């Protein structure tokens, strides 16, 4: 049987289902993630064709850069997705999934851009920009 992971925004207007295994959680400390969320992002990802988004008209996409967009609920403002325009997968915020998720933390990216008000002390791998496996910029 295929793994199924369900999630939603805070108000429930945007619901989604991800089929199959999820990547480990990657924490992104870039300035865009910090400004959108107030801290840093914790995201997993799934293949584009493994994600079904049921939202009606409540999901909004914002092109924060020439190469990626961010999806959030237009009703409650919950940040849900990050999508590189040319990638075959979509990042999904780990906190949006119903529990238990089975997710495990994997790494920190864009630590050179992290906020000055906290330290990263969990022992996970840290990358100044991104990892070789995660396409972020051009």
Protein backbone atom coordinates (compact mmCIF):
# COMPACT_ATOMS: atom_id res chain seq x y z
CA UNK A 1 0.00 0.00 0.00
CA UNK A 2 1.29 3.49 -0.90
CA UNK A 3 2.03 5.86 1.95
CA UNK A 4 -0.50 8.69 2.21
CA UNK A 5 0.14 11.94 4.07
CA UNK A 6 -2.68 14.44 4.55
CA UNK A 7 -2.36 18.07 5.54
CA UNK A 8 -4.01 21.47 5.55
CA UNK A 9 -3.67 25.12 6.35
CA UNK A 10 -4.71 26.51 9.75
CA UNK A 11 -8.31 27.23 8.73
CA UNK A 12 -8.75 24.09 6.62
CA UNK A 13 -9.62 25.91 3.40
CA UNK A 14 -6.58 24.35 1.67
CA UNK A 15 -6.21 20.59 2.07
CA UNK A 16 -3.69 18.36 0.36
CA UNK A 17 -2.62 14.75 0.05
CA UNK A 18 0.91 13.56 -0.67
CA UNK A 19 1.39 9.98 -1.85
CA UNK A 20 4.61 8.04 -1.32
CA UNK A 21 7.60 8.62 0.92
CA UNK A 22 8.54 12.11 2.07
CA UNK A 23 12.09 13.48 2.07
CA UNK A 24 13.61 14.31 5.45
CA UNK A 25 12.93 17.80 6.78
CA UNK A 26 15.27 20.52 5.59
CA UNK A 27 15.39 23.79 7.51
CA UNK A 28 15.83 26.85 5.27
CA UNK A 29 17.28 29.98 6.87
CA UNK A 30 17.25 32.25 3.78
CA UNK A 31 15.94 35.79 4.19
CA UNK A 32 12.82 35.12 2.08
CA UNK A 33 11.76 32.17 4.25
CA UNK A 34 12.48 34.15 7.41
CA UNK A 35 10.48 37.16 6.20
CA UNK A 36 7.51 35.05 5.08
CA UNK A 37 7.32 32.93 8.22
CA UNK A 38 8.90 35.06 10.93
CA UNK A 39 11.64 32.46 11.51
CA UNK A 40 12.93 29.66 9.28
CA UNK A 41 11.12 27.06 7.18
CA UNK A 42 10.93 23.35 7.93
CA UNK A 43 9.99 21.54 4.73
CA UNK A 44 9.91 18.14 3.13
CA UNK A 45 9.15 17.52 -0.52
CA UNK A 46 7.23 15.24 -2.84
CA UNK A 47 7.02 14.65 -6.56
CA UNK A 48 4.67 17.04 -8.37
CA UNK A 49 2.45 14.20 -9.53
CA UNK A 50 2.27 12.76 -5.98
CA UNK A 51 0.64 15.89 -4.52
CA UNK A 52 -3.06 16.68 -4.80
CA UNK A 53 -4.15 20.14 -3.60
CA UNK A 54 -7.85 20.63 -2.86
CA UNK A 55 -8.36 24.32 -2.25
CA UNK A 56 -11.07 25.82 -4.37
CA UNK A 57 -10.00 29.41 -4.86
CA UNK A 58 -8.21 29.83 -1.54
CA UNK A 59 -4.63 28.98 -2.50
CA UNK A 60 -2.50 31.89 -3.64
CA UNK A 61 0.88 31.65 -5.36
CA UNK A 62 3.48 34.41 -4.98
CA UNK A 63 6.50 34.56 -7.30
CA UNK A 64 9.12 35.61 -4.76
CA UNK A 65 11.92 35.21 -7.33
CA UNK A 66 12.26 34.63 -11.08
CA UNK A 67 12.76 30.88 -10.50
CA UNK A 68 10.33 29.90 -7.72
CA UNK A 69 6.93 30.56 -6.20
CA UNK A 70 5.42 30.18 -2.73
CA UNK A 71 1.93 28.86 -2.06
CA UNK A 72 -0.19 29.96 0.88
CA UNK A 73 -3.81 30.09 2.00
CA UNK A 74 -5.52 33.35 1.06
CA UNK A 75 -7.93 32.97 3.99
CA UNK A 76 -5.69 32.30 7.01
CA UNK A 77 -2.25 33.10 5.52
CA UNK A 78 -0.68 29.70 6.28
CA UNK A 79 2.48 29.11 4.27
CA UNK A 80 2.22 25.68 2.66
CA UNK A 81 4.44 25.22 -0.40
CA UNK A 82 7.64 26.29 -2.14
CA UNK A 83 7.98 25.35 -5.83
CA UNK A 84 10.96 25.76 -8.14
CA UNK A 85 9.59 26.50 -11.62
CA UNK A 86 11.75 23.83 -13.29
CA UNK A 87 11.71 21.10 -10.62
CA UNK A 88 9.73 17.88 -10.66
CA UNK A 89 8.98 18.17 -6.96
CA UNK A 90 7.38 20.62 -4.57
CA UNK A 91 8.42 21.50 -1.03
CA UNK A 92 5.68 21.16 1.56
CA UNK A 93 5.89 22.74 5.00
CA UNK A 94 6.36 19.92 7.50
CA UNK A 95 4.07 21.52 10.09
CA UNK A 96 1.10 21.43 7.71
CA UNK A 97 0.87 17.62 7.80
CA UNK A 98 -1.43 15.77 10.14
CA UNK A 99 0.43 13.72 12.75
CA UNK A 100 2.04 11.30 13.00
CA UNK A 101 4.24 12.32 10.07
CA UNK A 102 7.17 9.97 10.53
CA UNK A 103 9.42 12.83 9.40
CA UNK A 104 13.00 13.26 10.63
CA UNK A 105 15.18 16.36 10.41
CA UNK A 106 17.91 16.13 7.75
CA UNK A 107 19.86 19.39 7.27
CA UNK A 108 20.00 23.19 7.42
CA UNK A 109 20.40 25.26 4.24
CA UNK A 110 21.26 28.93 3.67
CA UNK A 111 22.86 29.16 7.11
CA UNK A 112 25.02 32.05 5.86
CA UNK A 113 21.77 34.07 5.72
CA UNK A 114 20.28 32.95 9.05
CA UNK A 115 18.92 35.38 11.61
CA UNK A 116 21.35 36.80 14.15
CA UNK A 117 19.09 36.03 17.10
CA UNK A 118 19.55 32.23 17.25
CA UNK A 119 22.18 29.52 16.98
CA UNK A 120 21.98 26.17 15.22
CA UNK A 121 23.15 23.57 17.70
CA UNK A 122 21.33 20.35 16.78
CA UNK A 123 24.33 18.68 15.08
CA UNK A 124 22.62 18.33 11.68
CA UNK A 125 24.63 19.10 8.53
CA UNK A 126 24.73 22.82 7.69
CA UNK A 127 25.15 24.29 4.21
CA UNK A 128 26.10 27.89 3.49
CA UNK A 129 23.66 27.91 0.57
CA UNK A 130 21.92 24.72 -0.51
CA UNK A 131 22.82 21.04 -0.69
CA UNK A 132 23.93 19.41 -3.94
CA UNK A 133 20.59 17.54 -4.01
CA UNK A 134 18.27 20.53 -3.57
CA UNK A 135 17.79 22.90 -6.51
CA UNK A 136 17.13 26.39 -5.22
CA UNK A 137 18.61 29.06 -7.50
CA UNK A 138 19.61 29.21 -11.12
